[in-house]
Amino acid sequence: MPQLASAETRIVLENVRWETFLELAEGRPGSVPRMTFDHGVLELMTPRRQHEAIGRLIGRIVETYSEVRGIEILSCASTTFKRSDLDRAFEPDESYYIAHADEIRPKDEVDLQIDPPPDLVIEVEMTRSAIPKLLLFAAMGVPEVWRHDGSRLAMLSIEGGGYRPLDSSLGLPGLAAATIDSLLSRRFEHGETALIKEFRSSIPREH
């Protein structure tokens, strides 16, 4: 298997003002580096190919599953989700509204002080973040988080002030972490199209 140790680069800045974070986030030509902000600590993460490949393939799995099962979703990809009142912000690898898709769909912008956070956040984290992401996600009320460490996927559901592990998704019932791990484990031997085609054929149809 190819070496994944250098799949990300991280830079951490301290004592950063909220206004400075906003200027940096809005001044980029795209969504890289991805930014996480937590009480004056700003982490800049630049994903490399394997990081992006894992995140995007998991995203394709979510989108294929929701299509076959007839579950409406709204993809927000790496949107900057921020709460100035909490002094926190994050940019996931992939994110989706599921239960709140209809509510958010007409909006050009999401304001987390009045709108719900995404129902599902997907994070690929092969190197350790300087910011405790799960505490940040919990503070912002994200119901479900999937985290991939380069080897396996952990599905987590919010509970109290933290998260509990899941075997399968709550937002996408019937989709198990083991199923996704099995597909991802073969990504070096098979193309994405072949893996998604195989996955699609295995999903039970809604009646």
N, C-alpha and C. Protein backbone atom coordinates (compact mmCIF):
# COMPACT_ATOMS: atom_id res chain seq x y z
N MET A 1 0.86 -1.20 0.00
CA MET A 1 0.00 0.00 0.00
C MET A 1 0.89 1.25 0.00
N PRO A 2 0.54 2.27 -0.74
CA PRO A 2 1.35 3.49 -0.77
C PRO A 2 1.44 4.14 0.60
N GLN A 3 2.56 4.81 0.86
CA GLN A 3 2.77 5.52 2.13
C GLN A 3 1.86 6.74 2.21
N LEU A 4 1.13 6.86 3.34
CA LEU A 4 0.16 7.94 3.49
C LEU A 4 0.60 8.98 4.52
N ALA A 5 1.82 8.85 5.06
CA ALA A 5 2.24 9.70 6.18
C ALA A 5 2.29 11.17 5.81
N SER A 6 2.54 11.48 4.54
CA SER A 6 2.66 12.88 4.14
C SER A 6 1.42 13.36 3.40
N ALA A 7 0.27 12.82 3.79
CA ALA A 7 -0.96 13.14 3.07
C ALA A 7 -1.50 14.53 3.38
N GLU A 8 -0.94 15.20 4.41
CA GLU A 8 -1.40 16.54 4.79
C GLU A 8 -0.22 17.36 5.30
N THR A 9 -0.33 18.65 5.14
CA THR A 9 0.60 19.55 5.82
C THR A 9 -0.23 20.53 6.65
N ARG A 10 0.27 20.85 7.85
CA ARG A 10 -0.48 21.70 8.77
C ARG A 10 0.40 22.85 9.27
N ILE A 11 -0.21 24.02 9.34
CA ILE A 11 0.43 25.19 9.93
C ILE A 11 -0.53 25.73 10.99
N VAL A 12 -0.01 26.01 12.16
CA VAL A 12 -0.84 26.52 13.26
C VAL A 12 -0.39 27.93 13.63
N LEU A 13 -1.36 28.85 13.66
CA LEU A 13 -1.11 30.23 14.06
C LEU A 13 -1.90 30.51 15.33
N GLU A 14 -1.29 31.22 16.26
CA GLU A 14 -1.96 31.53 17.52
C GLU A 14 -2.22 33.03 17.63
N ASN A 15 -3.14 33.36 18.52
CA ASN A 15 -3.51 34.76 18.78
C ASN A 15 -4.00 35.46 17.52
N VAL A 16 -4.83 34.76 16.77
CA VAL A 16 -5.39 35.31 15.54
C VAL A 16 -6.77 35.89 15.84
N ARG A 17 -7.01 37.10 15.41
CA ARG A 17 -8.31 37.74 15.62
C ARG A 17 -9.35 37.14 14.69
N TRP A 18 -10.61 37.13 15.13
CA TRP A 18 -11.70 36.61 14.32
C TRP A 18 -11.77 37.32 12.97
N GLU A 19 -11.61 38.63 12.98
CA GLU A 19 -11.68 39.41 11.75
C GLU A 19 -10.55 39.02 10.79
N THR A 20 -9.39 38.70 11.34
CA THR A 20 -8.27 38.27 10.50
C THR A 20 -8.56 36.93 9.86
N PHE A 21 -9.13 36.01 10.65
CA PHE A 21 -9.53 34.72 10.11
C PHE A 21 -10.51 34.89 8.95
N LEU A 22 -11.50 35.76 9.12
CA LEU A 22 -12.48 35.98 8.06
C LEU A 22 -11.82 36.53 6.80
N GLU A 23 -10.91 37.45 6.96
CA GLU A 23 -10.22 38.03 5.81
C GLU A 23 -9.41 36.97 5.07
N LEU A 24 -8.74 36.09 5.81
CA LEU A 24 -7.96 35.02 5.18
C LEU A 24 -8.86 34.02 4.48
N ALA A 25 -9.95 33.65 5.14
CA ALA A 25 -10.86 32.65 4.57
C ALA A 25 -11.52 33.18 3.30
N GLU A 26 -11.91 34.44 3.33
CA GLU A 26 -12.62 35.01 2.18
C GLU A 26 -11.67 35.45 1.07
N GLY A 27 -10.37 35.58 1.39
CA GLY A 27 -9.42 36.06 0.40
C GLY A 27 -8.75 34.98 -0.41
N ARG A 28 -9.00 33.72 -0.07
CA ARG A 28 -8.39 32.62 -0.83
C ARG A 28 -9.03 32.48 -2.21
N PRO A 29 -8.28 31.98 -3.18
CA PRO A 29 -8.86 31.74 -4.50
C PRO A 29 -9.71 30.47 -4.55
N GLY A 30 -9.63 29.63 -3.53
CA GLY A 30 -10.41 28.40 -3.48
C GLY A 30 -10.63 27.99 -2.04
N SER A 31 -10.70 26.68 -1.79
CA SER A 31 -10.95 26.19 -0.43
C SER A 31 -9.70 25.58 0.20
N VAL A 32 -8.54 25.87 -0.36
CA VAL A 32 -7.27 25.36 0.17
C VAL A 32 -6.35 26.55 0.44
N PRO A 33 -5.67 26.57 1.59
CA PRO A 33 -5.73 25.57 2.65
C PRO A 33 -7.07 25.60 3.39
N ARG A 34 -7.46 24.44 3.91
CA ARG A 34 -8.68 24.39 4.72
C ARG A 34 -8.37 24.93 6.10
N MET A 35 -9.33 25.64 6.64
CA MET A 35 -9.09 26.36 7.89
C MET A 35 -10.01 25.86 9.00
N THR A 36 -9.42 25.78 10.19
CA THR A 36 -10.18 25.52 11.41
C THR A 36 -9.78 26.60 12.40
N PHE A 37 -10.77 27.21 13.03
CA PHE A 37 -10.52 28.32 13.96
C PHE A 37 -11.16 28.00 15.29
N ASP A 38 -10.40 28.17 16.37
CA ASP A 38 -10.92 27.85 17.69
C ASP A 38 -10.30 28.80 18.71
N HIS A 39 -11.05 29.83 19.08
CA HIS A 39 -10.62 30.76 20.12
C HIS A 39 -9.21 31.30 19.88
N GLY A 40 -8.99 31.85 18.71
CA GLY A 40 -7.73 32.50 18.40
C GLY A 40 -6.67 31.60 17.81
N VAL A 41 -6.91 30.29 17.80
CA VAL A 41 -5.97 29.35 17.17
C VAL A 41 -6.48 29.03 15.76
N LEU A 42 -5.65 29.28 14.77
CA LEU A 42 -6.01 29.04 13.37
C LEU A 42 -5.10 27.95 12.81
N GLU A 43 -5.71 26.87 12.37
CA GLU A 43 -4.95 25.80 11.72
C GLU A 43 -5.23 25.83 10.23
N LEU A 44 -4.15 25.84 9.44
CA LEU A 44 -4.23 25.78 7.99
C LEU A 44 -3.77 24.40 7.56
N MET A 45 -4.64 23.66 6.91
CA MET A 45 -4.32 22.30 6.49
C MET A 45 -4.40 22.21 4.97
N THR A 46 -3.31 21.78 4.36
CA THR A 46 -3.27 21.58 2.91
C THR A 46 -3.30 20.08 2.63
N PRO A 47 -4.40 19.57 2.07
CA PRO A 47 -4.48 18.14 1.79
C PRO A 47 -3.71 17.79 0.52
N ARG A 48 -3.10 16.62 0.53
CA ARG A 48 -2.45 16.10 -0.66
C ARG A 48 -3.35 15.06 -1.31
N ARG A 49 -2.83 14.40 -2.33
CA ARG A 49 -3.70 13.60 -3.18
C ARG A 49 -4.47 12.50 -2.43
N GLN A 50 -3.77 11.73 -1.57
CA GLN A 50 -4.46 10.62 -0.92
C GLN A 50 -5.54 11.11 0.04
N HIS A 51 -5.29 12.22 0.71
CA HIS A 51 -6.31 12.81 1.57
C HIS A 51 -7.55 13.16 0.75
N GLU A 52 -7.35 13.87 -0.34
CA GLU A 52 -8.47 14.28 -1.18
C GLU A 52 -9.16 13.07 -1.81
N ALA A 53 -8.38 12.05 -2.19
CA ALA A 53 -8.96 10.87 -2.83
C ALA A 53 -9.90 10.15 -1.87
N ILE A 54 -9.48 10.01 -0.60
CA ILE A 54 -10.33 9.34 0.38
C ILE A 54 -11.60 10.14 0.63
N GLY A 55 -11.44 11.44 0.86
CA GLY A 55 -12.60 12.28 1.13
C GLY A 55 -13.61 12.29 0.00
N ARG A 56 -13.11 12.40 -1.23
CA ARG A 56 -14.02 12.46 -2.37
C ARG A 56 -14.70 11.13 -2.62
N LEU A 57 -13.98 10.01 -2.40
CA LEU A 57 -14.61 8.70 -2.61
C LEU A 57 -15.69 8.45 -1.56
N ILE A 58 -15.43 8.85 -0.32
CA ILE A 58 -16.49 8.73 0.69
C ILE A 58 -17.68 9.59 0.30
N GLY A 59 -17.42 10.78 -0.23
CA GLY A 59 -18.50 11.63 -0.71
C GLY A 59 -19.31 10.97 -1.82
N ARG A 60 -18.63 10.32 -2.74
CA ARG A 60 -19.33 9.63 -3.83
C ARG A 60 -20.19 8.48 -3.28
N ILE A 61 -19.69 7.81 -2.25
CA ILE A 61 -20.46 6.74 -1.62
C ILE A 61 -21.73 7.30 -1.00
N VAL A 62 -21.62 8.41 -0.28
CA VAL A 62 -22.79 9.06 0.32
C VAL A 62 -23.80 9.44 -0.77
N GLU A 63 -23.31 10.03 -1.82
CA GLU A 63 -24.20 10.52 -2.88
C GLU A 63 -24.87 9.37 -3.63
N THR A 64 -24.13 8.29 -3.86
CA THR A 64 -24.70 7.12 -4.52
C THR A 64 -25.75 6.46 -3.63
N TYR A 65 -25.43 6.29 -2.36
CA TYR A 65 -26.36 5.65 -1.44
C TYR A 65 -27.64 6.46 -1.31
N SER A 66 -27.51 7.77 -1.16
CA SER A 66 -28.72 8.60 -1.00
C SER A 66 -29.58 8.57 -2.26
N GLU A 67 -28.92 8.52 -3.43
CA GLU A 67 -29.68 8.47 -4.68
C GLU A 67 -30.47 7.17 -4.78
N VAL A 68 -29.81 6.05 -4.54
CA VAL A 68 -30.48 4.75 -4.67
C VAL A 68 -31.58 4.59 -3.63
N ARG A 69 -31.34 5.07 -2.42
CA ARG A 69 -32.31 4.90 -1.35
C ARG A 69 -33.39 5.99 -1.35
N GLY A 70 -33.27 6.96 -2.24
CA GLY A 70 -34.28 8.00 -2.33
C GLY A 70 -34.24 8.97 -1.17
N ILE A 71 -33.05 9.22 -0.62
CA ILE A 71 -32.88 10.15 0.50
C ILE A 71 -32.38 11.48 -0.04
N GLU A 72 -33.13 12.53 0.14
CA GLU A 72 -32.70 13.84 -0.34
C GLU A 72 -31.55 14.37 0.51
N ILE A 73 -30.53 14.87 -0.14
CA ILE A 73 -29.40 15.47 0.55
C ILE A 73 -29.06 16.80 -0.13
N LEU A 74 -28.29 17.60 0.57
CA LEU A 74 -27.76 18.84 0.01
C LEU A 74 -26.28 18.88 0.33
N SER A 75 -25.44 18.80 -0.70
CA SER A 75 -24.00 18.80 -0.50
C SER A 75 -23.50 20.22 -0.27
N CYS A 76 -22.66 20.38 0.75
CA CYS A 76 -22.03 21.67 1.02
C CYS A 76 -20.52 21.58 0.96
N ALA A 77 -19.99 20.40 0.61
CA ALA A 77 -18.55 20.19 0.40
C ALA A 77 -17.74 20.82 1.53
N SER A 78 -16.81 21.74 1.17
CA SER A 78 -15.91 22.34 2.16
C SER A 78 -16.33 23.76 2.54
N THR A 79 -17.62 24.01 2.58
CA THR A 79 -18.15 25.30 3.00
C THR A 79 -17.54 25.72 4.35
N THR A 80 -17.30 27.01 4.51
CA THR A 80 -16.84 27.53 5.80
C THR A 80 -18.04 27.69 6.73
N PHE A 81 -18.10 26.86 7.76
CA PHE A 81 -19.16 26.95 8.76
C PHE A 81 -18.59 27.69 9.96
N LYS A 82 -19.23 28.77 10.36
CA LYS A 82 -18.65 29.63 11.40
C LYS A 82 -19.70 30.13 12.38
N ARG A 83 -19.25 30.34 13.61
CA ARG A 83 -20.07 30.92 14.66
C ARG A 83 -19.25 31.97 15.37
N SER A 84 -19.49 33.24 15.06
CA SER A 84 -18.72 34.31 15.70
C SER A 84 -18.98 34.36 17.20
N ASP A 85 -20.21 33.99 17.62
CA ASP A 85 -20.53 34.02 19.04
C ASP A 85 -19.76 32.95 19.82
N LEU A 86 -19.36 31.87 19.14
CA LEU A 86 -18.57 30.81 19.77
C LEU A 86 -17.08 30.97 19.50
N ASP A 87 -16.72 31.89 18.58
CA ASP A 87 -15.33 32.11 18.20
C ASP A 87 -14.74 30.83 17.61
N ARG A 88 -15.55 30.15 16.78
CA ARG A 88 -15.15 28.88 16.19
C ARG A 88 -15.62 28.78 14.75
N ALA A 89 -14.86 28.04 13.95
CA ALA A 89 -15.23 27.81 12.54
C ALA A 89 -14.49 26.58 12.04
N PHE A 90 -15.06 25.94 11.03
CA PHE A 90 -14.40 24.78 10.44
C PHE A 90 -14.78 24.63 8.97
N GLU A 91 -13.92 23.93 8.25
CA GLU A 91 -14.15 23.61 6.84
C GLU A 91 -13.91 22.12 6.66
N PRO A 92 -14.97 21.33 6.50
CA PRO A 92 -14.83 19.88 6.40
C PRO A 92 -14.33 19.45 5.02
N ASP A 93 -13.99 18.18 4.91
CA ASP A 93 -13.67 17.65 3.59
C ASP A 93 -14.95 17.51 2.76
N GLU A 94 -15.99 16.99 3.37
CA GLU A 94 -17.31 16.89 2.75
C GLU A 94 -18.34 17.16 3.83
N SER A 95 -19.48 17.70 3.44
CA SER A 95 -20.55 17.93 4.41
C SER A 95 -21.89 17.89 3.69
N TYR A 96 -22.91 17.48 4.44
CA TYR A 96 -24.24 17.29 3.84
C TYR A 96 -25.33 17.69 4.81
N TYR A 97 -26.34 18.34 4.28
CA TYR A 97 -27.61 18.46 4.98
C TYR A 97 -28.49 17.31 4.51
N ILE A 98 -29.10 16.65 5.45
CA ILE A 98 -29.98 15.51 5.14
C ILE A 98 -31.36 15.80 5.72
N ALA A 99 -31.50 15.72 7.03
CA ALA A 99 -32.79 16.03 7.66
C ALA A 99 -33.21 17.48 7.41
N HIS A 100 -32.22 18.37 7.25
CA HIS A 100 -32.52 19.80 7.06
C HIS A 100 -32.27 20.26 5.62
N ALA A 101 -32.19 19.31 4.68
CA ALA A 101 -31.88 19.67 3.29
C ALA A 101 -32.92 20.61 2.70
N ASP A 102 -34.18 20.34 2.93
CA ASP A 102 -35.23 21.19 2.35
C ASP A 102 -35.19 22.60 2.94
N GLU A 103 -34.84 22.68 4.21
CA GLU A 103 -34.79 23.99 4.89
C GLU A 103 -33.64 24.85 4.36
N ILE A 104 -32.51 24.23 4.08
CA ILE A 104 -31.32 24.98 3.68
C ILE A 104 -31.25 25.22 2.18
N ARG A 105 -31.88 24.37 1.39
CA ARG A 105 -31.74 24.43 -0.08
C ARG A 105 -31.98 25.82 -0.67
N PRO A 106 -32.98 26.59 -0.26
CA PRO A 106 -33.21 27.90 -0.90
C PRO A 106 -32.22 28.98 -0.49
N LYS A 107 -31.39 28.74 0.51
CA LYS A 107 -30.53 29.79 1.05
C LYS A 107 -29.22 29.89 0.26
N ASP A 108 -28.81 31.12 -0.03
CA ASP A 108 -27.51 31.34 -0.67
C ASP A 108 -26.37 31.16 0.32
N GLU A 109 -26.59 31.57 1.57
CA GLU A 109 -25.59 31.46 2.61
C GLU A 109 -26.21 30.81 3.84
N VAL A 110 -25.38 30.12 4.60
CA VAL A 110 -25.82 29.52 5.85
C VAL A 110 -25.30 30.34 7.01
N ASP A 111 -26.18 30.71 7.91
CA ASP A 111 -25.81 31.46 9.11
C ASP A 111 -26.09 30.56 10.30
N LEU A 112 -25.04 30.00 10.89
CA LEU A 112 -25.24 29.02 11.95
C LEU A 112 -25.78 29.61 13.24
N GLN A 113 -25.89 30.93 13.31
CA GLN A 113 -26.54 31.51 14.49
C GLN A 113 -28.05 31.39 14.40
N ILE A 114 -28.56 31.15 13.18
CA ILE A 114 -30.00 30.93 13.02
C ILE A 114 -30.31 29.63 12.29
N ASP A 115 -29.38 29.13 11.51
CA ASP A 115 -29.58 27.89 10.75
C ASP A 115 -28.91 26.72 11.45
N PRO A 116 -29.41 25.49 11.20
CA PRO A 116 -28.77 24.31 11.80
C PRO A 116 -27.43 24.03 11.11
N PRO A 117 -26.51 23.35 11.81
CA PRO A 117 -25.26 22.93 11.18
C PRO A 117 -25.54 21.78 10.23
N PRO A 118 -24.57 21.40 9.40
CA PRO A 118 -24.79 20.25 8.51
C PRO A 118 -25.10 19.00 9.32
N ASP A 119 -25.94 18.15 8.77
CA ASP A 119 -26.32 16.92 9.46
C ASP A 119 -25.20 15.90 9.47
N LEU A 120 -24.31 15.97 8.49
CA LEU A 120 -23.19 15.04 8.41
C LEU A 120 -21.94 15.79 7.98
N VAL A 121 -20.87 15.64 8.77
CA VAL A 121 -19.57 16.20 8.45
C VAL A 121 -18.59 15.05 8.27
N ILE A 122 -17.81 15.09 7.19
CA ILE A 122 -16.82 14.06 6.91
C ILE A 122 -15.43 14.68 6.99
N GLU A 123 -14.58 14.09 7.82
CA GLU A 123 -13.23 14.59 8.04
C GLU A 123 -12.22 13.50 7.74
N VAL A 124 -11.25 13.78 6.91
CA VAL A 124 -10.10 12.90 6.74
C VAL A 124 -8.97 13.53 7.54
N GLU A 125 -8.42 12.77 8.48
CA GLU A 125 -7.39 13.33 9.35
C GLU A 125 -6.31 12.27 9.55
N MET A 126 -5.31 12.30 8.67
CA MET A 126 -4.23 11.32 8.73
C MET A 126 -3.10 11.78 9.63
N THR A 127 -3.03 13.07 9.88
CA THR A 127 -2.06 13.61 10.82
C THR A 127 -2.83 14.36 11.89
N ARG A 128 -2.27 14.45 13.06
CA ARG A 128 -3.00 14.98 14.21
C ARG A 128 -3.23 16.49 14.08
N SER A 129 -4.47 16.88 14.26
CA SER A 129 -4.81 18.30 14.27
C SER A 129 -4.43 18.92 15.59
N ALA A 130 -4.04 20.19 15.55
CA ALA A 130 -3.72 20.92 16.78
C ALA A 130 -4.99 21.34 17.52
N ILE A 131 -6.13 21.27 16.85
CA ILE A 131 -7.40 21.69 17.42
C ILE A 131 -8.25 20.44 17.69
N PRO A 132 -8.81 20.31 18.89
CA PRO A 132 -9.68 19.16 19.19
C PRO A 132 -10.99 19.28 18.42
N LYS A 133 -11.03 18.66 17.26
CA LYS A 133 -12.15 18.86 16.34
C LYS A 133 -13.49 18.39 16.90
N LEU A 134 -13.50 17.27 17.61
CA LEU A 134 -14.78 16.76 18.09
C LEU A 134 -15.40 17.70 19.11
N LEU A 135 -14.59 18.32 19.93
CA LEU A 135 -15.12 19.32 20.87
C LEU A 135 -15.70 20.50 20.10
N LEU A 136 -15.02 20.89 19.04
CA LEU A 136 -15.50 22.00 18.22
C LEU A 136 -16.82 21.64 17.54
N PHE A 137 -16.88 20.44 16.93
CA PHE A 137 -18.11 20.00 16.26
C PHE A 137 -19.27 19.91 17.26
N ALA A 138 -18.99 19.38 18.45
CA ALA A 138 -20.04 19.26 19.47
C ALA A 138 -20.55 20.63 19.89
N ALA A 139 -19.62 21.58 20.08
CA ALA A 139 -20.02 22.93 20.47
C ALA A 139 -20.91 23.57 19.42
N MET A 140 -20.69 23.20 18.15
CA MET A 140 -21.48 23.78 17.06
C MET A 140 -22.68 22.92 16.71
N GLY A 141 -22.86 21.80 17.43
CA GLY A 141 -24.08 21.01 17.30
C GLY A 141 -24.17 20.11 16.09
N VAL A 142 -23.04 19.68 15.54
CA VAL A 142 -23.07 18.79 14.37
C VAL A 142 -23.57 17.42 14.82
N PRO A 143 -24.69 16.92 14.25
CA PRO A 143 -25.28 15.67 14.73
C PRO A 143 -24.43 14.43 14.48
N GLU A 144 -23.78 14.36 13.31
CA GLU A 144 -23.05 13.14 12.93
C GLU A 144 -21.73 13.51 12.26
N VAL A 145 -20.68 12.85 12.70
CA VAL A 145 -19.34 13.09 12.16
C VAL A 145 -18.74 11.75 11.73
N TRP A 146 -18.17 11.74 10.53
CA TRP A 146 -17.39 10.58 10.08
C TRP A 146 -15.94 11.02 10.00
N ARG A 147 -15.04 10.22 10.60
CA ARG A 147 -13.62 10.56 10.58
C ARG A 147 -12.83 9.37 10.01
N HIS A 148 -11.99 9.66 9.03
CA HIS A 148 -11.14 8.63 8.45
C HIS A 148 -9.68 8.98 8.73
N ASP A 149 -8.93 8.01 9.28
CA ASP A 149 -7.55 8.27 9.67
C ASP A 149 -6.53 7.73 8.66
N GLY A 150 -7.01 7.36 7.47
CA GLY A 150 -6.13 6.78 6.47
C GLY A 150 -6.20 5.28 6.43
N SER A 151 -6.76 4.68 7.51
CA SER A 151 -6.89 3.23 7.59
C SER A 151 -8.34 2.77 7.75
N ARG A 152 -9.08 3.49 8.58
CA ARG A 152 -10.47 3.07 8.81
C ARG A 152 -11.35 4.29 9.08
N LEU A 153 -12.65 4.04 8.92
CA LEU A 153 -13.65 5.08 9.13
C LEU A 153 -14.32 4.89 10.47
N ALA A 154 -14.46 5.97 11.22
CA ALA A 154 -15.24 5.97 12.46
C ALA A 154 -16.47 6.84 12.25
N MET A 155 -17.64 6.28 12.52
CA MET A 155 -18.88 7.04 12.49
C MET A 155 -19.24 7.40 13.92
N LEU A 156 -19.62 8.66 14.14
CA LEU A 156 -19.89 9.16 15.48
C LEU A 156 -21.17 9.96 15.50
N SER A 157 -21.91 9.83 16.59
CA SER A 157 -23.16 10.58 16.77
C SER A 157 -23.07 11.41 18.03
N ILE A 158 -23.56 12.65 17.96
CA ILE A 158 -23.46 13.55 19.12
C ILE A 158 -24.28 13.02 20.28
N GLU A 159 -23.72 13.15 21.47
CA GLU A 159 -24.41 12.72 22.68
C GLU A 159 -23.89 13.56 23.84
N GLY A 160 -24.75 14.34 24.44
CA GLY A 160 -24.31 15.24 25.49
C GLY A 160 -23.32 16.24 24.93
N GLY A 161 -22.15 16.35 25.54
CA GLY A 161 -21.13 17.27 25.07
C GLY A 161 -20.07 16.61 24.22
N GLY A 162 -20.32 15.37 23.79
CA GLY A 162 -19.33 14.66 22.98
C GLY A 162 -19.99 13.78 21.94
N TYR A 163 -19.28 12.73 21.54
CA TYR A 163 -19.78 11.83 20.50
C TYR A 163 -19.63 10.38 20.94
N ARG A 164 -20.57 9.55 20.50
CA ARG A 164 -20.50 8.11 20.74
C ARG A 164 -20.31 7.41 19.40
N PRO A 165 -19.62 6.27 19.39
CA PRO A 165 -19.38 5.55 18.14
C PRO A 165 -20.63 4.87 17.61
N LEU A 166 -20.70 4.77 16.29
CA LEU A 166 -21.80 4.10 15.60
C LEU A 166 -21.24 3.00 14.70
N ASP A 167 -22.01 1.94 14.52
CA ASP A 167 -21.66 0.93 13.52
C ASP A 167 -22.16 1.34 12.14
N SER A 168 -23.29 2.05 12.14
CA SER A 168 -23.85 2.51 10.88
C SER A 168 -24.47 3.88 11.08
N SER A 169 -24.66 4.58 9.97
CA SER A 169 -25.09 5.97 10.00
C SER A 169 -26.52 6.13 10.51
N LEU A 170 -26.76 7.20 11.26
CA LEU A 170 -28.12 7.56 11.64
C LEU A 170 -28.80 8.37 10.55
N GLY A 171 -28.04 9.28 9.94
CA GLY A 171 -28.61 10.13 8.89
C GLY A 171 -28.89 9.38 7.60
N LEU A 172 -28.10 8.35 7.35
CA LEU A 172 -28.26 7.51 6.16
C LEU A 172 -28.44 6.07 6.63
N PRO A 173 -29.62 5.72 7.12
CA PRO A 173 -29.85 4.41 7.74
C PRO A 173 -29.47 3.25 6.82
N GLY A 174 -28.76 2.29 7.40
CA GLY A 174 -28.37 1.12 6.64
C GLY A 174 -26.97 1.19 6.06
N LEU A 175 -26.35 2.36 6.07
CA LEU A 175 -25.00 2.51 5.52
C LEU A 175 -24.00 2.33 6.66
N ALA A 176 -23.23 1.24 6.60
CA ALA A 176 -22.33 0.87 7.69
C ALA A 176 -20.91 1.32 7.42
N ALA A 177 -20.19 1.61 8.50
CA ALA A 177 -18.78 1.98 8.37
C ALA A 177 -17.98 0.85 7.75
N ALA A 178 -18.31 -0.40 8.09
CA ALA A 178 -17.58 -1.55 7.55
C ALA A 178 -17.72 -1.64 6.04
N THR A 179 -18.88 -1.29 5.52
CA THR A 179 -19.09 -1.31 4.07
C THR A 179 -18.18 -0.29 3.38
N ILE A 180 -18.11 0.90 3.94
CA ILE A 180 -17.26 1.94 3.36
C ILE A 180 -15.79 1.54 3.48
N ASP A 181 -15.39 0.99 4.62
CA ASP A 181 -14.01 0.54 4.79
C ASP A 181 -13.63 -0.51 3.75
N SER A 182 -14.55 -1.42 3.47
CA SER A 182 -14.28 -2.47 2.49
C SER A 182 -14.02 -1.89 1.11
N LEU A 183 -14.82 -0.92 0.73
CA LEU A 183 -14.63 -0.27 -0.58
C LEU A 183 -13.31 0.50 -0.62
N LEU A 184 -13.05 1.27 0.43
CA LEU A 184 -11.84 2.09 0.45
C LEU A 184 -10.57 1.25 0.48
N SER A 185 -10.64 0.08 1.08
CA SER A 185 -9.45 -0.77 1.18
C SER A 185 -8.99 -1.28 -0.19
N ARG A 186 -9.88 -1.19 -1.18
CA ARG A 186 -9.54 -1.68 -2.52
C ARG A 186 -9.33 -0.56 -3.53
N ARG A 187 -9.16 0.67 -3.02
CA ARG A 187 -9.08 1.81 -3.93
C ARG A 187 -7.78 1.86 -4.72
N PHE A 188 -6.74 1.14 -4.27
CA PHE A 188 -5.48 1.14 -5.02
C PHE A 188 -5.48 0.09 -6.13
N GLU A 189 -6.39 -0.89 -6.02
CA GLU A 189 -6.44 -1.97 -7.02
C GLU A 189 -7.55 -1.78 -8.04
N HIS A 190 -8.55 -0.96 -7.71
CA HIS A 190 -9.70 -0.78 -8.60
C HIS A 190 -10.00 0.71 -8.77
N GLY A 191 -10.52 1.07 -9.93
CA GLY A 191 -10.88 2.45 -10.19
C GLY A 191 -12.13 2.86 -9.43
N GLU A 192 -12.30 4.16 -9.25
CA GLU A 192 -13.47 4.67 -8.52
C GLU A 192 -14.78 4.27 -9.20
N THR A 193 -14.80 4.34 -10.52
CA THR A 193 -16.03 4.00 -11.23
C THR A 193 -16.43 2.56 -10.97
N ALA A 194 -15.45 1.66 -11.00
CA ALA A 194 -15.74 0.24 -10.75
C ALA A 194 -16.23 0.03 -9.32
N LEU A 195 -15.60 0.70 -8.36
CA LEU A 195 -16.01 0.54 -6.97
C LEU A 195 -17.41 1.09 -6.73
N ILE A 196 -17.70 2.24 -7.30
CA ILE A 196 -19.03 2.83 -7.12
C ILE A 196 -20.10 1.99 -7.83
N LYS A 197 -19.77 1.45 -8.98
CA LYS A 197 -20.71 0.59 -9.71
C LYS A 197 -21.03 -0.64 -8.87
N GLU A 198 -19.99 -1.25 -8.30
CA GLU A 198 -20.19 -2.42 -7.44
C GLU A 198 -21.04 -2.05 -6.22
N PHE A 199 -20.72 -0.92 -5.60
CA PHE A 199 -21.46 -0.48 -4.43
C PHE A 199 -22.92 -0.23 -4.77
N ARG A 200 -23.16 0.44 -5.88
CA ARG A 200 -24.53 0.75 -6.28
C ARG A 200 -25.37 -0.53 -6.41
N SER A 201 -24.77 -1.55 -7.02
CA SER A 201 -25.52 -2.80 -7.25
C SER A 201 -25.82 -3.54 -5.96
N SER A 202 -25.09 -3.22 -4.88
CA SER A 202 -25.29 -3.92 -3.60
C SER A 202 -26.31 -3.25 -2.70
N ILE A 203 -26.75 -2.03 -3.04
CA ILE A 203 -27.65 -1.29 -2.16
C ILE A 203 -29.09 -1.77 -2.35
N PRO A 204 -29.75 -2.16 -1.26
CA PRO A 204 -31.17 -2.54 -1.38
C PRO A 204 -32.00 -1.34 -1.82
N ARG A 205 -32.89 -1.56 -2.78
CA ARG A 205 -33.75 -0.48 -3.27
C ARG A 205 -34.91 -0.25 -2.33
N GLU A 206 -35.34 1.02 -2.28
CA GLU A 206 -36.55 1.35 -1.53
C GLU A 206 -37.77 0.82 -2.26
N HIS A 207 -38.72 0.30 -1.52
CA HIS A 207 -39.96 -0.20 -2.13
C HIS A 207 -41.08 0.82 -1.94
